[in-house]
């Protein structure tokens, strides 16, 4: 008994911004599927759904100062079939004032020492370990709000993105450190 190898090869047509999936059997093309064009950062930012998500999340969670699509996020658009990853700029001190807990000292030290952003995929990384459970719930609430916007029937399909949106990176900037923490440099 012999085994026939079948696999799908995806080729991105950068000129037309489309993705072609080829089902290949021992180097013979069986069929071609052309999928939707890949949206660019600018196209996503200009969609009605993205604008609603940005406004709603920043209003509901005031510690989120901005929602952006970084170059790193845009590079993932082709690799994920059902999701667009985006980035949130946060103020961890406002977050802990709203939901309790304290910003983890390690986060403050890294931002002060290197004068660099601190980023993580998890909001709980910004707080002391004992405060993580509460902040994990906040991250779940953010995710649920974004999903509810994407799934709402009140937003016509022509205004919706073709994929779900997920915040995969949270960034705190050194400028978010209150003066109180900077006085002891």
Foldseek 3Di string as FASTA:
>chain_A
DDDWDWDWDWDADVVQQWIKIFTATPNDTDDIDIDDGQDAQVRLCPFPLNVVLFVVLCVVQVQFPGKGADPVQRVCRVVDDAEGEIETEGQLVVVCVVQNAAFDVVLLCVCVVVVFKDKAQASLNRGDVVCSVSRNVVLVVSLVVQVCSQPDPVDDPVRHDRHGYHHRMYIYGNVSDDVVSVVVD
